[in-house]
C-alpha atoms as a PDB file:
ATOM      1  CA  MET A   1     110.764 159.132  72.998  1.00  0.00           C
ATOM      2  CA  SER A   2     110.703 157.034  69.905  1.00  0.00           C
ATOM      3  CA  LEU A   3     113.024 157.910  66.844  1.00  0.00           C
ATOM      4  CA  VAL A   4     111.071 159.198  63.845  1.00  0.00           C
ATOM      5  CA  PHE A   5     113.303 157.040  61.562  1.00  0.00           C
ATOM      6  CA  THR A   6     115.894 154.588  61.832  1.00  0.00           C
ATOM      7  CA  PRO A   7     119.309 156.052  62.067  1.00  0.00           C
ATOM      8  CA  ALA A   8     122.067 155.031  59.828  1.00  0.00           C
ATOM      9  CA  PRO A   9     124.619 152.554  61.326  1.00  0.00           C
ATOM     10  CA  ALA A  10     127.737 153.912  62.900  1.00  0.00           C
ATOM     11  CA  VAL A  11     130.544 154.625  60.432  1.00  0.00           C
ATOM     12  CA  THR A  12     133.538 152.281  61.166  1.00  0.00           C
ATOM     13  CA  VAL A  13     137.039 151.406  59.849  1.00  0.00           C
ATOM     14  CA  PRO A  14     138.496 147.979  60.126  1.00  0.00           C
ATOM     15  CA  VAL A  15     141.462 147.657  62.522  1.00  0.00           C
ATOM     16  CA  ALA A  16     144.562 145.558  61.326  1.00  0.00           C
ATOM     17  CA  GLY A  17     144.513 142.508  63.470  1.00  0.00           C
ATOM     18  CA  GLY A  18     140.783 142.587  64.182  1.00  0.00           C
ATOM     19  CA  GLY A  19     138.189 144.886  65.506  1.00  0.00           C
ATOM     20  CA  THR A  20     136.676 148.105  64.150  1.00  0.00           C
ATOM     21  CA  TYR A  21     137.409 151.682  64.891  1.00  0.00           C
ATOM     22  CA  PRO A  22     134.136 154.016  65.210  1.00  0.00           C
ATOM     23  CA  VAL A  23     134.483 157.270  63.521  1.00  0.00           C
ATOM     24  CA  HIS A  24     133.446 160.537  65.205  1.00  0.00           C
ATOM     25  CA  ARG A  25     134.669 163.336  62.927  1.00  0.00           C
ATOM     26  CA  ILE A  26     137.153 163.779  59.988  1.00  0.00           C
ATOM     27  CA  TYR A  27     139.494 166.795  60.126  1.00  0.00           C
ATOM     28  CA  CYS A  28     141.684 167.589  57.144  1.00  0.00           C
ATOM     29  CA  VAL A  29     144.754 169.806  56.922  1.00  0.00           C
ATOM     30  CA  GLY A  30     145.148 171.942  53.905  1.00  0.00           C
ATOM     31  CA  ARG A  31     148.411 172.528  51.981  1.00  0.00           C
ATOM     32  CA  ASN A  32     150.679 170.768  54.543  1.00  0.00           C
ATOM     33  CA  TYR A  33     153.618 169.782  52.150  1.00  0.00           C
ATOM     34  CA  ALA A  34     155.797 172.577  50.860  1.00  0.00           C
ATOM     35  CA  GLU A  35     155.743 171.274  47.107  1.00  0.00           C
ATOM     36  CA  HIS A  36     152.055 170.973  47.175  1.00  0.00           C
ATOM     37  CA  ALA A  37     151.536 174.409  48.562  1.00  0.00           C
ATOM     38  CA  VAL A  38     153.669 175.754  45.682  1.00  0.00           C
ATOM     39  CA  GLU A  39     151.681 173.621  43.358  1.00  0.00           C
ATOM     40  CA  MET A  40     148.480 175.204  44.533  1.00  0.00           C
ATOM     41  CA  GLY A  41     150.021 178.681  44.188  1.00  0.00           C
ATOM     42  CA  PHE A  42     151.084 179.378  47.807  1.00  0.00           C
ATOM     43  CA  SER A  43     154.558 179.180  49.480  1.00  0.00           C
ATOM     44  CA  GLY A  44     156.103 179.304  53.021  1.00  0.00           C
ATOM     45  CA  ARG A  45     155.066 177.817  56.308  1.00  0.00           C
ATOM     46  CA  GLU A  46     151.580 179.441  56.717  1.00  0.00           C
ATOM     47  CA  PRO A  47     149.620 178.700  59.835  1.00  0.00           C
ATOM     48  CA  PRO A  48     147.862 175.413  59.440  1.00  0.00           C
ATOM     49  CA  PHE A  49     144.288 175.456  58.453  1.00  0.00           C
ATOM     50  CA  PHE A  50     141.550 172.735  58.460  1.00  0.00           C
ATOM     51  CA  PHE A  51     138.379 171.845  56.882  1.00  0.00           C
ATOM     52  CA  LEU A  52     136.023 168.842  57.704  1.00  0.00           C
ATOM     53  CA  LYS A  53     134.305 166.019  55.846  1.00  0.00           C
ATOM     54  CA  PRO A  54     131.081 164.225  57.004  1.00  0.00           C
ATOM     55  CA  THR A  55     131.199 160.684  58.190  1.00  0.00           C
ATOM     56  CA  ASP A  56     129.552 159.324  55.081  1.00  0.00           C
ATOM     57  CA  ALA A  57     132.603 160.413  53.129  1.00  0.00           C
ATOM     58  CA  VAL A  58     134.369 157.332  54.589  1.00  0.00           C
ATOM     59  CA  VAL A  59     134.866 154.334  52.411  1.00  0.00           C
ATOM     60  CA  ALA A  60     136.516 151.726  54.471  1.00  0.00           C
ATOM     61  CA  VAL A  61     138.686 149.288  52.462  1.00  0.00           C
ATOM     62  CA  PRO A  62     139.876 146.124  54.305  1.00  0.00           C
ATOM     63  CA  ALA A  63     143.449 144.906  53.703  1.00  0.00           C
ATOM     64  CA  GLY A  64     143.786 143.193  50.389  1.00  0.00           C
ATOM     65  CA  GLU A  65     140.588 144.361  48.833  1.00  0.00           C
ATOM     66  CA  THR A  66     139.766 147.077  46.302  1.00  0.00           C
ATOM     67  CA  GLY A  67     137.486 149.542  47.296  1.00  0.00           C
ATOM     68  CA  LYS A  68     135.010 151.385  44.892  1.00  0.00           C
ATOM     69  CA  ILE A  69     133.960 154.921  44.600  1.00  0.00           C
ATOM     70  CA  ASP A  70     131.423 156.438  42.225  1.00  0.00           C
ATOM     71  CA  TYR A  71     132.619 159.384  40.099  1.00  0.00           C
ATOM     72  CA  PRO A  72     130.696 162.149  41.787  1.00  0.00           C
ATOM     73  CA  SER A  73     128.106 164.482  40.321  1.00  0.00           C
ATOM     74  CA  LEU A  74     128.649 168.001  39.071  1.00  0.00           C
ATOM     75  CA  THR A  75     132.382 167.787  38.600  1.00  0.00           C
ATOM     76  CA  LYS A  76     134.683 167.236  35.469  1.00  0.00           C
ATOM     77  CA  ASN A  77     137.965 167.388  37.537  1.00  0.00           C
ATOM     78  CA  LEU A  78     138.100 164.784  40.238  1.00  0.00           C
ATOM     79  CA  HIS A  79     141.484 164.864  41.911  1.00  0.00           C
ATOM     80  CA  HIS A  80     143.314 162.318  44.116  1.00  0.00           C
ATOM     81  CA  GLU A  81     145.246 163.381  47.252  1.00  0.00           C
ATOM     82  CA  ILE A  82     147.069 160.669  49.042  1.00  0.00           C
ATOM     83  CA  GLU A  83     147.365 161.286  52.874  1.00  0.00           C
ATOM     84  CA  LEU A  84     148.575 159.594  56.274  1.00  0.00           C
ATOM     85  CA  VAL A  85     145.450 159.423  58.407  1.00  0.00           C
ATOM     86  CA  VAL A  86     145.906 159.699  62.198  1.00  0.00           C
ATOM     87  CA  ALA A  87     143.357 158.069  64.478  1.00  0.00           C
ATOM     88  CA  ILE A  88     142.719 159.709  67.796  1.00  0.00           C
ATOM     89  CA  GLY A  89     142.351 157.327  70.695  1.00  0.00           C
ATOM     90  CA  VAL A  90     142.419 159.823  73.707  1.00  0.00           C
ATOM     91  CA  GLY A  91     140.699 163.033  73.412  1.00  0.00           C
ATOM     92  CA  GLY A  92     141.573 166.438  74.762  1.00  0.00           C
ATOM     93  CA  ARG A  93     141.730 170.200  74.328  1.00  0.00           C
ATOM     94  CA  ASP A  94     144.653 172.397  74.012  1.00  0.00           C
ATOM     95  CA  ILE A  95     147.051 169.540  73.664  1.00  0.00           C
ATOM     96  CA  ARG A  96     150.729 170.329  73.556  1.00  0.00           C
ATOM     97  CA  ALA A  97     152.823 168.934  70.628  1.00  0.00           C
ATOM     98  CA  ALA A  98     155.000 167.386  73.051  1.00  0.00           C
ATOM     99  CA  ASP A  99     152.132 165.470  74.493  1.00  0.00           C
ATOM    100  CA  ALA A 100     150.234 164.652  71.297  1.00  0.00           C
ATOM    101  CA  VAL A 101     151.711 161.216  70.810  1.00  0.00           C
ATOM    102  CA  ARG A 102     149.782 159.646  73.632  1.00  0.00           C
ATOM    103  CA  HIS A 103     146.516 160.859  72.012  1.00  0.00           C
ATOM    104  CA  ILE A 104     147.229 158.805  68.987  1.00  0.00           C
ATOM    105  CA  TRP A 105     145.506 155.381  68.517  1.00  0.00           C
ATOM    106  CA  GLY A 106     146.912 154.404  65.109  1.00  0.00           C
ATOM    107  CA  TYR A 107     147.513 155.283  61.680  1.00  0.00           C
ATOM    108  CA  ALA A 108     146.071 154.550  58.198  1.00  0.00           C
ATOM    109  CA  VAL A 109     146.486 155.296  54.601  1.00  0.00           C
ATOM    110  CA  GLY A 110     143.692 157.733  53.209  1.00  0.00           C
ATOM    111  CA  LEU A 111     142.689 159.564  50.147  1.00  0.00           C
ATOM    112  CA  ASP A 112     141.033 163.026  50.150  1.00  0.00           C
ATOM    113  CA  MET A 113     139.087 163.073  46.954  1.00  0.00           C
ATOM    114  CA  THR A 114     138.365 166.632  45.619  1.00  0.00           C
ATOM    115  CA  ARG A 115     136.114 168.017  43.144  1.00  0.00           C
ATOM    116  CA  ARG A 116     138.790 170.463  42.203  1.00  0.00           C
ATOM    117  CA  ASP A 117     136.745 172.561  39.682  1.00  0.00           C
ATOM    118  CA  LEU A 118     134.138 173.222  42.179  1.00  0.00           C
ATOM    119  CA  GLN A 119     136.773 173.835  44.889  1.00  0.00           C
ATOM    120  CA  ASN A 120     138.480 176.503  42.712  1.00  0.00           C
ATOM    121  CA  ASP A 121     135.176 178.108  42.010  1.00  0.00           C
ATOM    122  CA  MET A 122     134.450 178.579  45.775  1.00  0.00           C
ATOM    123  CA  LYS A 123     138.020 179.828  46.215  1.00  0.00           C
ATOM    124  CA  LYS A 124     137.462 182.590  43.545  1.00  0.00           C
ATOM    125  CA  GLN A 125     134.274 183.599  45.310  1.00  0.00           C
ATOM    126  CA  GLY A 126     135.550 183.500  48.711  1.00  0.00           C
ATOM    127  CA  ARG A 127     133.171 180.919  49.718  1.00  0.00           C
ATOM    128  CA  PRO A 128     133.566 177.740  51.765  1.00  0.00           C
ATOM    129  CA  TRP A 129     135.062 174.496  50.059  1.00  0.00           C
ATOM    130  CA  CYS A 130     132.374 172.149  51.252  1.00  0.00           C
ATOM    131  CA  ILE A 131     131.051 171.299  47.749  1.00  0.00           C
ATOM    132  CA  GLY A 132     134.554 170.547  46.621  1.00  0.00           C
ATOM    133  CA  LYS A 133     135.635 168.462  49.643  1.00  0.00           C
ATOM    134  CA  GLY A 134     132.891 167.289  51.776  1.00  0.00           C
ATOM    135  CA  PHE A 135     130.751 164.985  49.484  1.00  0.00           C
ATOM    136  CA  GLU A 136     129.885 161.271  50.020  1.00  0.00           C
ATOM    137  CA  GLN A 137     132.706 158.638  49.223  1.00  0.00           C
ATOM    138  CA  SER A 138     135.443 161.424  49.412  1.00  0.00           C
ATOM    139  CA  ALA A 139     137.551 159.788  52.255  1.00  0.00           C
ATOM    140  CA  PRO A 140     138.486 156.318  51.391  1.00  0.00           C
ATOM    141  CA  ILE A 141     140.597 154.754  54.040  1.00  0.00           C
ATOM    142  CA  GLY A 142     142.565 151.468  54.572  1.00  0.00           C
ATOM    143  CA  PRO A 143     142.802 149.509  57.814  1.00  0.00           C
ATOM    144  CA  ILE A 144     144.041 151.435  60.947  1.00  0.00           C
ATOM    145  CA  VAL A 145     147.221 150.027  62.431  1.00  0.00           C
ATOM    146  CA  PRO A 146     147.475 150.634  66.159  1.00  0.00           C
ATOM    147  CA  ILE A 147     150.590 152.828  67.216  1.00  0.00           C
ATOM    148  CA  ALA A 148     151.551 150.048  69.371  1.00  0.00           C
ATOM    149  CA  SER A 149     152.496 148.130  66.272  1.00  0.00           C
ATOM    150  CA  THR A 150     153.977 150.789  64.154  1.00  0.00           C
ATOM    151  CA  GLY A 151     155.608 153.060  66.708  1.00  0.00           C
ATOM    152  CA  GLU A 152     155.330 156.925  66.116  1.00  0.00           C
ATOM    153  CA  LEU A 153     155.301 157.569  62.331  1.00  0.00           C
ATOM    154  CA  THR A 154     157.421 160.624  61.509  1.00  0.00           C
ATOM    155  CA  THR A 155     159.258 159.526  58.473  1.00  0.00           C
ATOM    156  CA  GLY A 156     158.674 157.164  55.558  1.00  0.00           C
ATOM    157  CA  ALA A 157     157.675 157.109  52.034  1.00  0.00           C
ATOM    158  CA  ILE A 158     154.196 158.208  51.033  1.00  0.00           C
ATOM    159  CA  SER A 159     153.049 157.706  47.376  1.00  0.00           C
ATOM    160  CA  LEU A 160     150.169 157.181  45.044  1.00  0.00           C
ATOM    161  CA  SER A 161     150.078 155.510  41.661  1.00  0.00           C
ATOM    162  CA  VAL A 162     147.123 155.514  39.128  1.00  0.00           C
ATOM    163  CA  ASN A 163     146.910 152.556  36.747  1.00  0.00           C
ATOM    164  CA  GLY A 164     150.454 151.635  37.700  1.00  0.00           C
ATOM    165  CA  GLN A 165     152.049 155.126  37.209  1.00  0.00           C
ATOM    166  CA  VAL A 166     153.353 156.951  40.170  1.00  0.00           C
ATOM    167  CA  ARG A 167     151.871 160.390  40.371  1.00  0.00           C
ATOM    168  CA  GLN A 168     152.737 161.467  44.126  1.00  0.00           C
ATOM    169  CA  ASN A 169     155.922 160.394  45.942  1.00  0.00           C
ATOM    170  CA  ALA A 170     157.237 162.065  49.107  1.00  0.00           C
ATOM    171  CA  ASP A 171     158.359 161.439  52.600  1.00  0.00           C
ATOM    172  CA  LEU A 172     156.413 162.083  55.862  1.00  0.00           C
ATOM    173  CA  LYS A 173     159.253 164.266  57.043  1.00  0.00           C
ATOM    174  CA  ASP A 174     158.445 166.624  54.440  1.00  0.00           C
ATOM    175  CA  LEU A 175     155.215 167.637  56.268  1.00  0.00           C
ATOM    176  CA  ILE A 176     155.150 171.567  56.886  1.00  0.00           C
ATOM    177  CA  TRP A 177     153.549 170.831  60.277  1.00  0.00           C
ATOM    178  CA  ASN A 178     154.085 167.429  61.637  1.00  0.00           C
ATOM    179  CA  VAL A 179     151.358 165.371  63.179  1.00  0.00           C
ATOM    180  CA  ASN A 180     152.181 166.398  66.785  1.00  0.00           C
ATOM    181  CA  GLU A 181     152.080 170.107  65.750  1.00  0.00           C
ATOM    182  CA  THR A 182     148.890 169.572  63.800  1.00  0.00           C
ATOM    183  CA  ILE A 183     147.253 168.045  66.830  1.00  0.00           C
ATOM    184  CA  GLU A 184     148.460 170.983  68.982  1.00  0.00           C
ATOM    185  CA  HIS A 185     146.889 173.415  66.535  1.00  0.00           C
ATOM    186  CA  LEU A 186     143.727 171.375  65.885  1.00  0.00           C
ATOM    187  CA  SER A 187     142.999 170.944  69.540  1.00  0.00           C
ATOM    188  CA  ALA A 188     143.199 174.633  70.219  1.00  0.00           C
ATOM    189  CA  ALA A 189     140.113 174.979  67.985  1.00  0.00           C
ATOM    190  CA  TRP A 190     138.244 171.702  68.657  1.00  0.00           C
ATOM    191  CA  THR A 191     137.985 169.263  71.580  1.00  0.00           C
ATOM    192  CA  LEU A 192     139.387 166.129  70.096  1.00  0.00           C
ATOM    193  CA  GLN A 193     137.523 162.984  70.732  1.00  0.00           C
ATOM    194  CA  PRO A 194     138.316 159.302  70.424  1.00  0.00           C
ATOM    195  CA  GLY A 195     136.980 158.356  66.975  1.00  0.00           C
ATOM    196  CA  ASP A 196     138.518 161.433  65.295  1.00  0.00           C
ATOM    197  CA  LEU A 197     140.354 160.880  62.039  1.00  0.00           C
ATOM    198  CA  ILE A 198     143.030 163.577  60.918  1.00  0.00           C
ATOM    199  CA  TYR A 199     143.923 163.493  57.350  1.00  0.00           C
ATOM    200  CA  SER A 200     147.352 165.074  57.591  1.00  0.00           C
ATOM    201  CA  GLY A 201     147.793 166.764  54.140  1.00  0.00           C
ATOM    202  CA  THR A 202     148.986 165.577  50.636  1.00  0.00           C
ATOM    203  CA  PRO A 203     152.253 165.722  48.796  1.00  0.00           C
ATOM    204  CA  ALA A 204     152.683 167.476  45.272  1.00  0.00           C
ATOM    205  CA  GLY A 205     151.500 165.560  42.104  1.00  0.00           C
ATOM    206  CA  VAL A 206     147.604 165.828  42.677  1.00  0.00           C
ATOM    207  CA  ALA A 207     145.863 165.191  39.327  1.00  0.00           C
ATOM    208  CA  ALA A 208     142.595 163.958  37.934  1.00  0.00           C
ATOM    209  CA  VAL A 209     141.248 160.491  37.783  1.00  0.00           C
ATOM    210  CA  VAL A 210     138.333 159.243  35.638  1.00  0.00           C
ATOM    211  CA  SER A 211     135.853 156.390  35.801  1.00  0.00           C
ATOM    212  CA  GLY A 212     137.864 152.970  35.266  1.00  0.00           C
ATOM    213  CA  ASP A 213     141.152 154.301  37.083  1.00  0.00           C
ATOM    214  CA  VAL A 214     142.641 152.347  39.888  1.00  0.00           C
ATOM    215  CA  MET A 215     144.567 154.025  42.574  1.00  0.00           C
ATOM    216  CA  GLU A 216     147.029 152.620  44.945  1.00  0.00           C
ATOM    217  CA  GLY A 217     147.998 154.444  47.927  1.00  0.00           C
ATOM    218  CA  ARG A 218     151.055 153.741  50.117  1.00  0.00           C
ATOM    219  CA  VAL A 219     152.568 154.856  53.354  1.00  0.00           C
ATOM    220  CA  ALA A 220     155.611 152.928  54.790  1.00  0.00           C
ATOM    221  CA  GLY A 221     154.606 150.468  57.276  1.00  0.00           C
ATOM    222  CA  LEU A 222     150.843 150.507  56.705  1.00  0.00           C
ATOM    223  CA  PRO A 223     148.728 148.463  54.509  1.00  0.00           C
ATOM    224  CA  MET A 224     148.185 149.586  50.951  1.00  0.00           C
ATOM    225  CA  LEU A 225     144.857 151.421  50.018  1.00  0.00           C
ATOM    226  CA  ARG A 226     143.579 150.275  46.565  1.00  0.00           C
ATOM    227  CA  VAL A 227     140.629 152.196  45.263  1.00  0.00           C
ATOM    228  CA  ALA A 228     138.844 151.983  41.829  1.00  0.00           C
ATOM    229  CA  VAL A 229     136.681 154.785  40.412  1.00  0.00           C
ATOM    230  CA  ARG A 230     133.528 153.633  38.899  1.00  0.00           C
END
């Protein structure tokens, strides 16, 4: 049976050292740093919760280059959220935290761009966040570095600056639910597949950006992610 239109090409992310990583799904963890949870009006170690982004949210930025995203429609309050991204290489369901590391293919620096005003409106109405989180170009990502090169990332600085001024600055050890625990919870709800990306949560300091701003995201041991807003 012939296709009724030509499908879009597969979404891929460059791999440090060569090759590309094909993206299957994008999972994001909400409020996974204690100070950010307080910043958003919550506290304590609540059970982890998740939302998804479409694959066309990906803006893959090669090492040493500056990615570009368009200021999205409808919003007047576009926020940056710097995150460690975990790339899954071995799928599975009901993965134990103790076994999670063998499912990790690698890591990257990512941004969860958020139309905060629209997200807040949905929260007030008790409706899904999709319009605030799941829009195109909302998941910029740098090159994926294989775990064989980095080792397991459990500590290390994570930060984001805008136009050279630091806004977010924390350590991966500050995650409320660490990566392995997150994989355990996530795989209880979905069967993880090779190609799945997990945006593991953002530290405190989220704030607005406007057209012309340049964001630089860093996680210790990974290539920097540089993204300009058009």
